[in-house]
Amino acid sequence: MKTLISSAVSLMILQPALAQDATATKNPLTVSGYVEAYYNHDFNRPENNTVPGFLYNFNRAGEVNLNLAFIKAAYVTDRVRANVALAAGTYMNANYNAEPGVLRNILEANAGIKLSRTHTLWLDAGIMPSHIGFESAVGKDNWTLSRSLLAENSPYFEAGLKLGFTTRDEKLYLSAMYLNGWQRIQRIDGNSTPGFGTQVTYKPNDAVTLNYSTFIGNDKPDSLRQMRYFHNVYGIFRLTSRLGITAGFDIGTEQKAKGSSRFNSWYTPVLIARFSVSEKIRMAARGEYYADRNGVIISTGTANGFKTYGYSLNFDCLPADNVVWRMEARCLNSKDAIFTHDHTARNQNYFVTTSVALSF
C-alpha cells in the first residue's frame, strides 16, 4: 500500500512537469510545399503559345509547364505569427511581371502581432494573399481548375498593413487594410496615393459563408490620378453533404480622367456548382460573364469592349489525400471578335486543360 501511495504521489508531481514539457517542445515553426503542373490546349493555337492576356493561370498553351510551386515556412504562437513563401511558375511570371527583381518570386512574406490578450485582434504587415474573392493562387483550394474571369482580373496578392478582428464565436470577421495599390508590392513610380481595403465575412453556420470586400485607390501616377472604387460580394452555400454552390459578383468604377466626376464601370457575375460523387471524385460546372466596355481592366480596342461570357465543366480525382488530378473543358464567347485563330478574328475560344497538384 505504501508503495502504491508513493507511486501515485510521484505521478501527481510529474504530471504538471510532463504537461509543461509537452507544451515547451511543441514546435511553432512548420514547413510546407505545393507543386502544380499542367497542360493547356488552346484550340485557337496561338503562335506564341500564350493564351489571351486576361488569363493569368495556366497561361502557356501546347506544352507541359509549371503553374505554381512554392515552399512555405510558417511561425505561429499565441501572440506572434509570420509567413514566408518563395515561389516559381507561369503564375508568378504573369502576375508579378510588374515587380522588380527578387520580389517576383515572393508569394508571401508577412509578420503579425496579436494586439489584445482577450480578443482575437491581429495586426499583420507585408505581402499577403488578397482580401478580395473566393479563389486563390493555390489551385487545390478552388472548386474549378482554371480561375474565373472575376478572379483573374482582380488582385491575387497585396502588400501593406491589415488589422483583423474575429468574434469569440468565430462567426464574424472584420478587417481594414492600408495597401500599396491594386495587386502591387512596390508602388508605381510617381504614385503617392495609398490604397485602402475592407472585408466583412459572416459565417452563421458551417453551411454558409457570406463575404463583402472593397478596394479604394489609384493605380496610376499622381499626374494621371484616376480613383478606383471596387466591390466584391460572394456567398458559398453547402446545400447538402455532396452539393455546394458559390455565387459571386464584382463591380467597379474608375474616374474617366483626373478630377472628373464621370466614371467608367465594369462588372462580372459568376456561379459555380460542385457535386461530390464520392470522397475521391468531384465534378463542377461554372457560368460567368464579364463586361468592361471601356477597357478599365481588360482593353480590347473594339466597339463593345470586353463583353464575354463563359462556361466550363470540371472533373477532379483525388488518388491520395494530398494529390488532386483535374480535367477541365472551357469555352469563352465574346460579343466582339477579340480572339484570333490562323490570323483571323473570331468570337470564341475553347480550352481543354489538365493539371496535377501535390501538397506536403
Protein backbone atom coordinates (compact mmCIF):
# COMPACT_ATOMS: atom_id res chain seq x y z
CA MET A 1 0.00 0.00 0.00
CA LYS A 2 2.86 2.36 0.90
CA THR A 3 4.46 1.69 -2.48
CA LEU A 4 1.15 2.35 -4.27
CA ILE A 5 0.62 5.65 -2.46
CA SER A 6 4.20 6.69 -3.17
CA SER A 7 3.77 5.94 -6.87
CA ALA A 8 0.54 7.92 -7.01
CA VAL A 9 2.14 10.94 -5.33
CA SER A 10 5.10 10.74 -7.70
CA LEU A 11 2.76 10.62 -10.68
CA MET A 12 0.85 13.67 -9.42
CA ILE A 13 4.10 15.59 -9.10
CA LEU A 14 5.33 14.52 -12.52
CA GLN A 15 2.14 15.22 -14.49
CA PRO A 16 2.41 19.05 -14.47
CA ALA A 17 6.06 18.78 -15.42
CA LEU A 18 5.24 16.40 -18.27
CA ALA A 19 2.49 18.73 -19.47
CA GLN A 20 4.89 21.68 -19.40
CA ASP A 21 7.49 19.70 -21.32
CA ALA A 22 4.92 18.76 -23.94
CA THR A 23 3.94 22.41 -24.35
CA ALA A 24 7.53 23.52 -24.40
CA THR A 25 8.51 21.05 -27.09
CA LYS A 26 5.65 21.99 -29.43
CA ASN A 27 7.34 23.49 -32.48
CA PRO A 28 5.77 26.79 -33.60
CA LEU A 29 7.55 26.51 -36.96
CA THR A 30 6.07 24.45 -39.79
CA VAL A 31 7.31 23.99 -43.34
CA SER A 32 5.01 23.07 -46.23
CA GLY A 33 5.10 22.99 -50.00
CA TYR A 34 2.97 22.86 -53.12
CA VAL A 35 3.55 21.86 -56.76
CA GLU A 36 1.02 22.25 -59.58
CA ALA A 37 1.93 21.12 -63.12
CA TYR A 38 -0.39 21.41 -66.15
CA TYR A 39 -1.02 21.01 -69.85
CA ASN A 40 -3.36 23.51 -71.53
CA HIS A 41 -4.65 23.07 -75.08
CA ASP A 42 -5.90 26.29 -76.69
CA PHE A 43 -7.98 25.41 -79.77
CA ASN A 44 -7.07 28.77 -81.35
CA ARG A 45 -3.44 27.55 -81.35
CA PRO A 46 -1.67 30.86 -80.58
CA GLU A 47 1.68 31.19 -82.35
CA ASN A 48 3.43 32.43 -79.22
CA ASN A 49 1.98 29.55 -77.15
CA THR A 50 0.38 32.04 -74.77
CA VAL A 51 -3.35 32.23 -74.06
CA PRO A 52 -5.21 35.61 -74.11
CA GLY A 53 -3.65 38.17 -71.79
CA PHE A 54 -6.58 38.42 -69.38
CA LEU A 55 -5.91 34.83 -68.19
CA TYR A 56 -3.04 34.61 -65.70
CA ASN A 57 -3.16 30.96 -64.61
CA PHE A 58 -2.22 28.07 -66.91
CA ASN A 59 -1.38 30.72 -69.50
CA ARG A 60 1.05 28.68 -71.60
CA ALA A 61 -0.57 26.56 -74.31
CA GLY A 62 0.55 23.38 -76.06
CA GLU A 63 3.25 22.47 -73.55
CA VAL A 64 3.69 20.81 -70.18
CA ASN A 65 4.55 23.51 -67.68
CA LEU A 66 4.54 24.52 -64.02
CA ASN A 67 1.76 26.85 -62.91
CA LEU A 68 2.87 27.29 -59.31
CA ALA A 69 5.37 25.70 -56.95
CA PHE A 70 6.30 27.11 -53.57
CA ILE A 71 7.95 26.28 -50.30
CA LYS A 72 6.50 27.97 -47.23
CA ALA A 73 7.63 28.46 -43.64
CA ALA A 74 5.01 29.47 -41.06
CA TYR A 75 5.71 30.54 -37.49
CA VAL A 76 2.73 30.75 -35.11
CA THR A 77 2.48 31.35 -31.36
CA ASP A 78 -0.24 32.81 -29.17
CA ARG A 79 0.98 36.39 -29.72
CA VAL A 80 3.02 36.50 -32.94
CA ARG A 81 2.93 34.89 -36.38
CA ALA A 82 4.83 35.06 -39.65
CA ASN A 83 4.76 33.50 -43.13
CA VAL A 84 7.38 33.33 -45.86
CA ALA A 85 6.73 31.56 -49.18
CA LEU A 86 9.08 31.60 -52.18
CA ALA A 87 7.57 30.53 -55.48
CA ALA A 88 8.12 29.91 -59.20
CA GLY A 89 5.94 29.07 -62.19
CA THR A 90 3.98 30.66 -65.02
CA TYR A 91 1.51 32.07 -62.48
CA MET A 92 4.35 34.05 -60.90
CA ASN A 93 5.64 35.22 -64.29
CA ALA A 94 2.22 36.53 -65.31
CA ASN A 95 1.05 38.10 -62.04
CA TYR A 96 4.34 39.51 -60.73
CA ASN A 97 5.66 40.84 -64.04
CA ALA A 98 5.43 44.45 -62.85
CA GLU A 99 7.51 43.81 -59.72
CA PRO A 100 11.28 44.34 -59.69
CA GLY A 101 13.97 41.73 -59.12
CA VAL A 102 13.56 39.23 -56.32
CA LEU A 103 10.06 40.48 -55.46
CA ARG A 104 8.81 38.48 -58.47
CA ASN A 105 9.36 35.26 -56.53
CA ILE A 106 7.76 36.18 -53.20
CA LEU A 107 4.33 34.61 -52.85
CA GLU A 108 4.02 35.62 -49.19
CA ALA A 109 6.19 37.45 -46.67
CA ASN A 110 4.36 38.87 -43.67
CA ALA A 111 4.50 39.15 -39.91
CA GLY A 112 1.76 39.78 -37.37
CA ILE A 113 1.24 40.55 -33.73
CA LYS A 114 -1.84 39.97 -31.59
CA LEU A 115 -2.85 43.32 -30.10
CA SER A 116 -5.19 42.03 -27.38
CA ARG A 117 -4.89 39.30 -24.78
CA THR A 118 -8.65 38.87 -24.51
CA HIS A 119 -9.79 39.37 -28.11
CA THR A 120 -8.70 37.99 -31.49
CA LEU A 121 -7.30 41.23 -32.87
CA TRP A 122 -4.26 40.98 -35.15
CA LEU A 123 -2.09 43.49 -36.99
CA ASP A 124 -0.25 41.98 -39.98
CA ALA A 125 2.23 43.65 -42.31
CA GLY A 126 3.96 42.59 -45.52
CA ILE A 127 2.97 40.70 -48.66
CA MET A 128 -0.28 38.80 -48.15
CA PRO A 129 -2.97 36.96 -50.13
CA SER A 130 -5.65 39.33 -51.41
CA HIS A 131 -8.72 40.00 -49.29
CA ILE A 132 -10.80 40.01 -52.50
CA GLY A 133 -12.58 36.97 -53.93
CA PHE A 134 -13.14 33.31 -53.15
CA GLU A 135 -10.41 31.88 -55.43
CA SER A 136 -6.72 31.91 -54.59
CA ALA A 137 -3.40 31.16 -56.24
CA VAL A 138 -3.38 27.66 -54.68
CA GLY A 139 -5.32 25.59 -57.19
CA LYS A 140 -6.21 22.68 -54.90
CA ASP A 141 -8.30 25.03 -52.74
CA ASN A 142 -10.51 26.17 -55.65
CA TRP A 143 -13.61 24.41 -56.98
CA THR A 144 -12.52 24.62 -60.63
CA LEU A 145 -9.19 24.03 -62.32
CA SER A 146 -8.99 27.41 -64.06
CA ARG A 147 -9.84 30.62 -62.26
CA SER A 148 -12.96 32.57 -63.09
CA LEU A 149 -12.71 35.82 -65.07
CA LEU A 150 -13.72 37.51 -61.82
CA ALA A 151 -10.67 36.17 -60.00
CA GLU A 152 -8.18 36.54 -62.86
CA ASN A 153 -8.88 40.25 -63.17
CA SER A 154 -8.86 41.28 -59.52
CA PRO A 155 -5.92 41.11 -57.09
CA TYR A 156 -4.42 37.76 -56.06
CA PHE A 157 -2.00 39.41 -53.62
CA GLU A 158 -1.47 42.70 -51.82
CA ALA A 159 1.16 44.48 -49.75
CA GLY A 160 0.58 46.72 -46.77
CA LEU A 161 -0.96 46.65 -43.30
CA LYS A 162 -4.03 44.67 -42.21
CA LEU A 163 -5.98 44.98 -38.97
CA GLY A 164 -8.24 41.97 -38.47
CA PHE A 165 -10.76 41.09 -35.78
CA THR A 166 -12.64 37.81 -35.23
CA THR A 167 -15.53 37.48 -32.78
CA ARG A 168 -15.39 34.93 -29.97
CA ASP A 169 -17.86 32.61 -31.72
CA GLU A 170 -15.78 32.91 -34.94
CA LYS A 171 -18.88 33.74 -36.98
CA LEU A 172 -17.83 37.27 -37.92
CA TYR A 173 -14.51 38.54 -39.31
CA LEU A 174 -13.77 42.24 -39.89
CA SER A 175 -10.64 43.75 -41.38
CA ALA A 176 -9.27 47.01 -42.75
CA MET A 177 -6.18 47.43 -44.93
CA TYR A 178 -3.66 50.12 -45.92
CA LEU A 179 -2.25 48.97 -49.27
CA ASN A 180 0.44 49.86 -51.79
CA GLY A 181 -2.03 49.55 -54.65
CA TRP A 182 -4.14 47.24 -56.81
CA GLN A 183 -2.10 44.00 -56.76
CA ARG A 184 1.15 45.86 -56.08
CA ILE A 185 4.10 45.03 -53.88
CA GLN A 186 6.04 48.10 -54.95
CA ARG A 187 4.03 51.25 -55.62
CA ILE A 188 4.41 52.52 -59.20
CA ASP A 189 6.71 55.50 -59.82
CA GLY A 190 5.07 58.87 -59.35
CA ASN A 191 2.23 57.47 -57.23
CA SER A 192 1.85 58.82 -53.70
CA THR A 193 -1.72 57.58 -53.21
CA PRO A 194 -2.20 54.62 -50.87
CA GLY A 195 -4.97 52.12 -51.43
CA PHE A 196 -7.48 51.07 -48.80
CA GLY A 197 -9.47 47.87 -48.40
CA THR A 198 -12.10 46.40 -46.13
CA GLN A 199 -13.53 42.93 -45.61
CA VAL A 200 -16.55 41.56 -43.77
CA THR A 201 -17.02 37.77 -43.62
CA TYR A 202 -20.00 36.23 -41.86
CA LYS A 203 -20.45 32.50 -41.22
CA PRO A 204 -23.79 31.95 -39.46
CA ASN A 205 -23.20 28.18 -39.59
CA ASP A 206 -20.95 25.58 -41.19
CA ALA A 207 -23.04 25.55 -44.39
CA VAL A 208 -22.96 29.26 -45.26
CA THR A 209 -20.21 31.83 -45.86
CA LEU A 210 -21.05 35.42 -46.85
CA ASN A 211 -18.41 37.98 -47.80
CA TYR A 212 -18.18 41.64 -48.79
CA SER A 213 -14.81 43.19 -49.71
CA THR A 214 -13.87 46.62 -51.05
CA PHE A 215 -10.92 48.48 -52.54
CA ILE A 216 -10.40 52.22 -52.95
CA GLY A 217 -7.31 53.67 -54.59
CA ASN A 218 -5.46 54.98 -57.62
CA ASP A 219 -3.23 52.71 -59.69
CA LYS A 220 -1.62 55.41 -61.84
CA PRO A 221 0.95 58.19 -61.30
CA ASP A 222 -0.38 61.27 -59.49
CA SER A 223 -0.30 63.25 -62.76
CA LEU A 224 -2.92 60.85 -64.19
CA ARG A 225 -4.75 60.05 -60.95
CA GLN A 226 -7.99 58.15 -61.53
CA MET A 227 -9.66 56.93 -58.36
CA ARG A 228 -10.96 53.36 -58.46
CA TYR A 229 -13.83 52.04 -56.30
CA PHE A 230 -14.34 48.30 -56.26
CA HIS A 231 -16.83 45.96 -54.55
CA ASN A 232 -16.64 42.16 -54.29
CA VAL A 233 -19.58 40.12 -52.95
CA TYR A 234 -19.87 36.35 -52.74
CA GLY A 235 -21.65 33.56 -50.93
CA ILE A 236 -20.68 29.92 -50.50
CA PHE A 237 -23.54 27.56 -49.69
CA ARG A 238 -23.33 23.87 -48.81
CA LEU A 239 -26.81 22.69 -49.79
CA THR A 240 -26.22 19.03 -48.91
CA SER A 241 -23.26 16.93 -47.85
CA ARG A 242 -22.43 16.50 -51.56
CA LEU A 243 -23.71 19.63 -53.31
CA GLY A 244 -22.42 23.16 -52.94
CA ILE A 245 -22.92 26.46 -54.77
CA THR A 246 -20.74 29.57 -54.94
CA ALA A 247 -22.20 32.81 -56.28
CA GLY A 248 -20.06 35.91 -56.76
CA PHE A 249 -20.41 39.42 -58.15
CA ASP A 250 -17.81 42.15 -58.70
CA ILE A 251 -18.50 45.73 -59.71
CA GLY A 252 -16.02 48.56 -60.07
CA THR A 253 -15.86 52.18 -61.21
CA GLU A 254 -12.94 54.40 -62.13
CA GLN A 255 -12.74 58.09 -62.98
CA LYS A 256 -12.65 58.78 -66.73
CA ALA A 257 -9.87 61.33 -66.14
CA LYS A 258 -8.14 63.11 -63.29
CA GLY A 259 -10.61 65.24 -61.38
CA SER A 260 -13.56 64.03 -63.47
CA SER A 261 -17.00 63.46 -61.97
CA ARG A 262 -17.72 60.85 -64.66
CA PHE A 263 -16.79 57.20 -64.28
CA ASN A 264 -16.16 54.10 -66.35
CA SER A 265 -17.55 50.89 -64.86
CA TRP A 266 -17.21 47.14 -65.19
CA TYR A 267 -18.94 44.18 -63.58
CA THR A 268 -18.84 40.40 -63.53
CA PRO A 269 -21.15 37.71 -62.08
CA VAL A 270 -20.18 34.06 -61.65
CA LEU A 271 -21.99 30.93 -60.48
CA ILE A 272 -20.27 27.61 -59.66
CA ALA A 273 -21.91 24.35 -58.62
CA ARG A 274 -19.85 21.45 -57.28
CA PHE A 275 -21.03 17.91 -56.70
CA SER A 276 -19.03 15.26 -54.82
CA VAL A 277 -19.72 11.88 -56.39
CA SER A 278 -17.62 10.25 -53.66
CA GLU A 279 -14.73 11.14 -51.38
CA LYS A 280 -12.38 10.69 -54.34
CA ILE A 281 -14.41 12.09 -57.25
CA ARG A 282 -15.82 15.61 -57.69
CA MET A 283 -17.44 17.49 -60.55
CA ALA A 284 -18.11 21.20 -61.06
CA ALA A 285 -19.87 23.45 -63.56
CA ARG A 286 -19.38 27.19 -63.96
CA GLY A 287 -21.18 30.00 -65.76
CA GLU A 288 -19.78 33.55 -65.86
CA TYR A 289 -19.93 36.90 -67.61
CA TYR A 290 -17.53 39.86 -67.72
CA ALA A 291 -18.48 43.31 -69.03
CA ASP A 292 -15.81 46.01 -69.36
CA ARG A 293 -16.98 48.23 -72.21
CA ASN A 294 -14.40 50.97 -71.64
CA GLY A 295 -11.40 48.72 -71.06
CA VAL A 296 -10.61 49.71 -67.48
CA ILE A 297 -9.33 46.24 -66.60
CA ILE A 298 -9.36 44.39 -69.95
CA SER A 299 -8.70 46.51 -73.01
CA THR A 300 -9.67 45.19 -76.47
CA GLY A 301 -9.82 48.27 -78.71
CA THR A 302 -13.12 47.04 -80.17
CA ALA A 303 -16.51 48.77 -80.43
CA ASN A 304 -18.15 46.98 -77.49
CA GLY A 305 -15.04 46.43 -75.41
CA PHE A 306 -14.72 43.23 -73.41
CA LYS A 307 -18.14 41.63 -73.11
CA THR A 308 -17.55 37.93 -72.70
CA TYR A 309 -19.49 35.05 -71.21
CA GLY A 310 -18.06 31.64 -70.45
CA TYR A 311 -18.85 28.21 -69.14
CA SER A 312 -16.78 25.26 -68.02
CA LEU A 313 -17.06 21.67 -66.82
CA ASN A 314 -14.62 20.25 -64.31
CA PHE A 315 -13.67 16.74 -63.20
CA ASP A 316 -11.49 16.08 -60.14
CA CYS A 317 -9.90 12.87 -58.91
CA LEU A 318 -8.18 12.63 -55.52
CA PRO A 319 -5.98 9.50 -55.64
CA ALA A 320 -4.39 10.47 -52.30
CA ASP A 321 -5.17 12.95 -49.52
CA ASN A 322 -2.54 15.39 -50.78
CA VAL A 323 -2.91 14.89 -54.56
CA VAL A 324 -5.54 16.31 -56.96
CA TRP A 325 -5.74 15.42 -60.66
CA ARG A 326 -8.08 17.64 -62.65
CA MET A 327 -9.57 17.92 -66.15
CA GLU A 328 -11.50 20.92 -67.44
CA ALA A 329 -13.21 21.97 -70.67
CA ARG A 330 -13.84 25.71 -71.01
CA CYS A 331 -15.47 28.00 -73.58
CA LEU A 332 -15.31 31.79 -73.81
CA ASN A 333 -17.63 33.65 -76.18
CA SER A 334 -17.23 37.40 -76.80
CA LYS A 335 -19.61 39.93 -78.36
CA ASP A 336 -16.74 41.32 -80.45
CA ALA A 337 -14.20 39.21 -82.33
CA ILE A 338 -11.37 39.63 -79.80
CA PHE A 339 -9.78 36.19 -80.24
CA THR A 340 -7.51 35.10 -83.09
CA HIS A 341 -7.24 31.80 -84.97
CA ASP A 342 -4.99 31.43 -88.04
CA HIS A 343 -4.69 35.23 -88.24
CA THR A 344 -8.48 35.54 -88.35
CA ALA A 345 -10.51 37.36 -85.68
CA ARG A 346 -13.19 35.27 -84.06
CA ASN A 347 -15.64 35.40 -81.16
CA GLN A 348 -14.93 32.07 -79.47
CA ASN A 349 -12.06 30.45 -77.67
CA TYR A 350 -12.04 26.88 -76.36
CA PHE A 351 -9.64 25.23 -73.91
CA VAL A 352 -9.04 21.77 -72.51
CA THR A 353 -6.72 21.74 -69.51
CA THR A 354 -5.40 19.11 -67.15
CA SER A 355 -3.33 19.56 -64.01
CA VAL A 356 -1.80 17.62 -61.14
CA ALA A 357 -1.33 19.31 -57.77
CA LEU A 358 0.58 17.90 -54.82
CA SER A 359 0.84 19.47 -51.38
CA PHE A 360 3.10 18.48 -48.50
